[in-house]
Amino acid sequence: MEIKNILVPTNGSGVDEEVIKLACSLARKSKAKVYAVYIIEVERSLPLDSQIDSKTDEADRILTHAEDTAVDVDYEVETDLLQARDAGPAIVNEAVEREIDLIIMATSYKKAHGIPDLGKAVYYVLKEAPCRVLLYRDSIS
């Protein structure tokens, strides 16, 4: 499998840094491009292009940290801030537009009523992504 483009949705969790490093490591072997994205989920009561300063500031901080992490491992990532109603469809649309070969998503592992819950976005991406998806789960603390 040749990998030319890797997409890493970031969310500000503690494992973002590890996922960016993993993406860069995999990308280095085939000189692939790494794209890190942060998605602001806009409430349905607001216009999709609403300027939400507090969320934009947080997104900028998270994406800057992704760029810095890549620099630390001597690789370059391209970052982008997206606004969407739901993260899952935004990730899949980005994968289609950028012709992504691999999506690497960080996920937590929560149990709701004894049933594992990976989150709505993860389930959507696993079902709809046009490419391979690699889930990276942090250790249970």
C-alpha atoms as a PDB file:
ATOM      1  CA  MET A   1       0.000   0.000   0.000  1.00  0.00           C
ATOM      2  CA  GLU A   2       1.481   3.310  -1.068  1.00  0.00           C
ATOM      3  CA  ILE A   3       0.617   6.255   1.130  1.00  0.00           C
ATOM      4  CA  LYS A   4       0.796   9.719  -0.427  1.00  0.00           C
ATOM      5  CA  ASN A   5      -1.556  11.711   1.806  1.00  0.00           C
ATOM      6  CA  ILE A   6      -2.370  11.274   5.497  1.00  0.00           C
ATOM      7  CA  LEU A   7      -5.138  13.128   7.314  1.00  0.00           C
ATOM      8  CA  VAL A   8      -4.987  13.640  11.078  1.00  0.00           C
ATOM      9  CA  PRO A   9      -8.075  15.170  12.684  1.00  0.00           C
ATOM     10  CA  THR A  10      -6.945  16.867  15.901  1.00  0.00           C
ATOM     11  CA  ASN A  11      -9.117  17.637  18.893  1.00  0.00           C
ATOM     12  CA  GLY A  12      -6.785  19.008  21.534  1.00  0.00           C
ATOM     13  CA  SER A  13      -6.595  15.761  23.466  1.00  0.00           C
ATOM     14  CA  GLY A  14      -3.411  14.569  25.093  1.00  0.00           C
ATOM     15  CA  VAL A  15      -2.777  12.029  22.341  1.00  0.00           C
ATOM     16  CA  ASP A  16      -2.750  14.526  19.459  1.00  0.00           C
ATOM     17  CA  GLU A  17       1.011  14.836  19.775  1.00  0.00           C
ATOM     18  CA  GLU A  18       1.523  11.061  19.597  1.00  0.00           C
ATOM     19  CA  VAL A  19      -0.773  10.769  16.576  1.00  0.00           C
ATOM     20  CA  ILE A  20       1.052  13.553  14.716  1.00  0.00           C
ATOM     21  CA  LYS A  21       4.385  11.841  15.423  1.00  0.00           C
ATOM     22  CA  LEU A  22       2.984   8.525  14.180  1.00  0.00           C
ATOM     23  CA  ALA A  23       1.656  10.159  11.008  1.00  0.00           C
ATOM     24  CA  CYS A  24       5.013  11.811  10.340  1.00  0.00           C
ATOM     25  CA  SER A  25       6.838   8.528  10.902  1.00  0.00           C
ATOM     26  CA  LEU A  26       4.579   6.705   8.448  1.00  0.00           C
ATOM     27  CA  ALA A  27       4.725   9.584   5.974  1.00  0.00           C
ATOM     28  CA  ARG A  28       8.520   9.748   6.012  1.00  0.00           C
ATOM     29  CA  LYS A  29       8.830   6.266   4.501  1.00  0.00           C
ATOM     30  CA  SER A  30       6.922   7.215   1.361  1.00  0.00           C
ATOM     31  CA  LYS A  31       7.492  10.991   1.467  1.00  0.00           C
ATOM     32  CA  ALA A  32       3.758  11.481   1.970  1.00  0.00           C
ATOM     33  CA  LYS A  33       2.050  14.726   2.908  1.00  0.00           C
ATOM     34  CA  VAL A  34       0.489  15.036   6.350  1.00  0.00           C
ATOM     35  CA  TYR A  35      -2.557  17.216   6.838  1.00  0.00           C
ATOM     36  CA  ALA A  36      -3.700  18.067  10.363  1.00  0.00           C
ATOM     37  CA  VAL A  37      -7.188  19.505  10.664  1.00  0.00           C
ATOM     38  CA  TYR A  38      -9.237  20.881  13.500  1.00  0.00           C
ATOM     39  CA  ILE A  39     -12.992  21.013  13.096  1.00  0.00           C
ATOM     40  CA  ILE A  40     -15.151  23.525  14.895  1.00  0.00           C
ATOM     41  CA  GLU A  41     -18.621  22.066  15.182  1.00  0.00           C
ATOM     42  CA  VAL A  42     -21.045  24.950  14.687  1.00  0.00           C
ATOM     43  CA  GLU A  43     -24.423  24.739  16.384  1.00  0.00           C
ATOM     44  CA  ARG A  44     -27.366  24.441  14.024  1.00  0.00           C
ATOM     45  CA  SER A  45     -28.842  27.648  15.430  1.00  0.00           C
ATOM     46  CA  LEU A  46     -25.882  29.633  14.023  1.00  0.00           C
ATOM     47  CA  PRO A  47     -24.847  30.238  10.417  1.00  0.00           C
ATOM     48  CA  LEU A  48     -22.146  27.763   9.367  1.00  0.00           C
ATOM     49  CA  ASP A  49     -19.646  30.558   8.691  1.00  0.00           C
ATOM     50  CA  SER A  50     -20.118  32.202  12.112  1.00  0.00           C
ATOM     51  CA  GLN A  51     -16.967  33.606  13.656  1.00  0.00           C
ATOM     52  CA  ILE A  52     -16.605  31.942  17.061  1.00  0.00           C
ATOM     53  CA  ASP A  53     -13.534  33.647  18.495  1.00  0.00           C
ATOM     54  CA  SER A  54     -13.070  31.449  21.567  1.00  0.00           C
ATOM     55  CA  LYS A  55     -13.160  28.264  19.484  1.00  0.00           C
ATOM     56  CA  THR A  56     -11.010  29.775  16.738  1.00  0.00           C
ATOM     57  CA  ASP A  57      -8.333  30.761  19.270  1.00  0.00           C
ATOM     58  CA  GLU A  58      -8.327  27.238  20.711  1.00  0.00           C
ATOM     59  CA  ALA A  59      -8.146  25.725  17.219  1.00  0.00           C
ATOM     60  CA  ASP A  60      -5.198  27.957  16.294  1.00  0.00           C
ATOM     61  CA  ARG A  61      -3.377  26.886  19.455  1.00  0.00           C
ATOM     62  CA  ILE A  62      -4.008  23.190  18.748  1.00  0.00           C
ATOM     63  CA  LEU A  63      -2.938  23.439  15.099  1.00  0.00           C
ATOM     64  CA  THR A  64       0.197  25.398  16.049  1.00  0.00           C
ATOM     65  CA  HIS A  65       1.040  22.635  18.522  1.00  0.00           C
ATOM     66  CA  ALA A  66       0.588  20.070  15.707  1.00  0.00           C
ATOM     67  CA  GLU A  67       3.006  22.033  13.512  1.00  0.00           C
ATOM     68  CA  ASP A  68       5.520  22.305  16.375  1.00  0.00           C
ATOM     69  CA  THR A  69       5.261  18.571  17.058  1.00  0.00           C
ATOM     70  CA  ALA A  70       6.022  17.819  13.414  1.00  0.00           C
ATOM     71  CA  VAL A  71       9.011  20.180  13.479  1.00  0.00           C
ATOM     72  CA  ASP A  72      10.297  18.314  16.557  1.00  0.00           C
ATOM     73  CA  VAL A  73      10.430  15.103  14.491  1.00  0.00           C
ATOM     74  CA  ASP A  74      11.836  16.951  11.474  1.00  0.00           C
ATOM     75  CA  TYR A  75       8.752  16.722   9.288  1.00  0.00           C
ATOM     76  CA  GLU A  76       6.265  19.221   7.940  1.00  0.00           C
ATOM     77  CA  VAL A  77       2.505  19.173   8.284  1.00  0.00           C
ATOM     78  CA  GLU A  78      -0.059  21.335   6.581  1.00  0.00           C
ATOM     79  CA  THR A  79      -2.805  22.500   8.920  1.00  0.00           C
ATOM     80  CA  ASP A  80      -6.331  23.655   8.284  1.00  0.00           C
ATOM     81  CA  LEU A  81      -9.243  24.871  10.351  1.00  0.00           C
ATOM     82  CA  LEU A  82     -12.676  23.706   9.226  1.00  0.00           C
ATOM     83  CA  GLN A  83     -16.154  24.610  10.372  1.00  0.00           C
ATOM     84  CA  ALA A  84     -18.955  22.080  10.046  1.00  0.00           C
ATOM     85  CA  ARG A  85     -22.149  20.929  11.693  1.00  0.00           C
ATOM     86  CA  ASP A  86     -20.625  17.535  12.491  1.00  0.00           C
ATOM     87  CA  ALA A  87     -16.990  16.418  12.569  1.00  0.00           C
ATOM     88  CA  GLY A  88     -17.510  12.997  10.947  1.00  0.00           C
ATOM     89  CA  PRO A  89     -18.830  14.206   7.579  1.00  0.00           C
ATOM     90  CA  ALA A  90     -16.257  17.037   7.559  1.00  0.00           C
ATOM     91  CA  ILE A  91     -13.420  14.522   7.989  1.00  0.00           C
ATOM     92  CA  VAL A  92     -14.757  12.301   5.208  1.00  0.00           C
ATOM     93  CA  ASN A  93     -15.276  15.293   2.871  1.00  0.00           C
ATOM     94  CA  GLU A  94     -11.723  16.466   3.558  1.00  0.00           C
ATOM     95  CA  ALA A  95     -10.430  12.958   2.817  1.00  0.00           C
ATOM     96  CA  VAL A  96     -12.236  12.943  -0.524  1.00  0.00           C
ATOM     97  CA  GLU A  97     -11.102  16.455  -1.518  1.00  0.00           C
ATOM     98  CA  ARG A  98      -7.447  15.848  -0.625  1.00  0.00           C
ATOM     99  CA  GLU A  99      -7.369  12.300  -2.023  1.00  0.00           C
ATOM    100  CA  ILE A 100      -6.317  10.940   1.366  1.00  0.00           C
ATOM    101  CA  ASP A 101      -4.899   7.404   1.555  1.00  0.00           C
ATOM    102  CA  LEU A 102      -4.957   7.092   5.340  1.00  0.00           C
ATOM    103  CA  ILE A 103      -6.844   8.794   8.155  1.00  0.00           C
ATOM    104  CA  ILE A 104      -5.300   8.483  11.617  1.00  0.00           C
ATOM    105  CA  MET A 105      -7.768   9.350  14.362  1.00  0.00           C
ATOM    106  CA  ALA A 106      -7.195   9.562  18.074  1.00  0.00           C
ATOM    107  CA  THR A 107     -10.016   8.208  20.150  1.00  0.00           C
ATOM    108  CA  SER A 108     -10.838   7.721  23.762  1.00  0.00           C
ATOM    109  CA  TYR A 109     -12.528   4.626  25.045  1.00  0.00           C
ATOM    110  CA  LYS A 110     -15.519   5.349  27.188  1.00  0.00           C
ATOM    111  CA  LYS A 111     -18.108   2.946  28.419  1.00  0.00           C
ATOM    112  CA  ALA A 112     -21.717   4.041  28.522  1.00  0.00           C
ATOM    113  CA  HIS A 113     -23.891   1.538  30.333  1.00  0.00           C
ATOM    114  CA  GLY A 114     -21.213  -1.151  29.896  1.00  0.00           C
ATOM    115  CA  ILE A 115     -21.042  -0.656  26.118  1.00  0.00           C
ATOM    116  CA  PRO A 116     -17.881   0.789  24.519  1.00  0.00           C
ATOM    117  CA  ASP A 117     -18.443   4.216  22.942  1.00  0.00           C
ATOM    118  CA  LEU A 118     -15.862   5.571  20.499  1.00  0.00           C
ATOM    119  CA  GLY A 119     -17.850   8.677  19.634  1.00  0.00           C
ATOM    120  CA  LYS A 120     -20.120   9.716  16.787  1.00  0.00           C
ATOM    121  CA  ALA A 121     -17.340  11.044  14.526  1.00  0.00           C
ATOM    122  CA  VAL A 122     -15.260   7.855  14.743  1.00  0.00           C
ATOM    123  CA  TYR A 123     -18.219   5.640  13.837  1.00  0.00           C
ATOM    124  CA  TYR A 124     -19.117   7.893  10.912  1.00  0.00           C
ATOM    125  CA  VAL A 125     -15.553   7.926   9.555  1.00  0.00           C
ATOM    126  CA  LEU A 126     -15.198   4.149   9.922  1.00  0.00           C
ATOM    127  CA  LYS A 127     -18.410   3.674   7.946  1.00  0.00           C
ATOM    128  CA  GLU A 128     -17.987   6.340   5.241  1.00  0.00           C
ATOM    129  CA  ALA A 129     -14.262   6.996   4.697  1.00  0.00           C
ATOM    130  CA  PRO A 130     -13.025   6.318   1.145  1.00  0.00           C
ATOM    131  CA  CYS A 131      -9.657   5.168   2.483  1.00  0.00           C
ATOM    132  CA  ARG A 132      -7.999   3.224   5.272  1.00  0.00           C
ATOM    133  CA  VAL A 133      -8.611   4.420   8.826  1.00  0.00           C
ATOM    134  CA  LEU A 134      -6.239   3.853  11.706  1.00  0.00           C
ATOM    135  CA  LEU A 135      -7.567   4.429  15.233  1.00  0.00           C
ATOM    136  CA  TYR A 136      -5.131   5.389  17.971  1.00  0.00           C
ATOM    137  CA  ARG A 137      -6.523   4.849  21.434  1.00  0.00           C
ATOM    138  CA  ASP A 138      -4.775   6.280  24.441  1.00  0.00           C
ATOM    139  CA  SER A 139      -4.051   3.928  27.301  1.00  0.00           C
ATOM    140  CA  ILE A 140      -6.765   3.613  29.901  1.00  0.00           C
ATOM    141  CA  SER A 141      -5.819   5.545  32.996  1.00  0.00           C
END
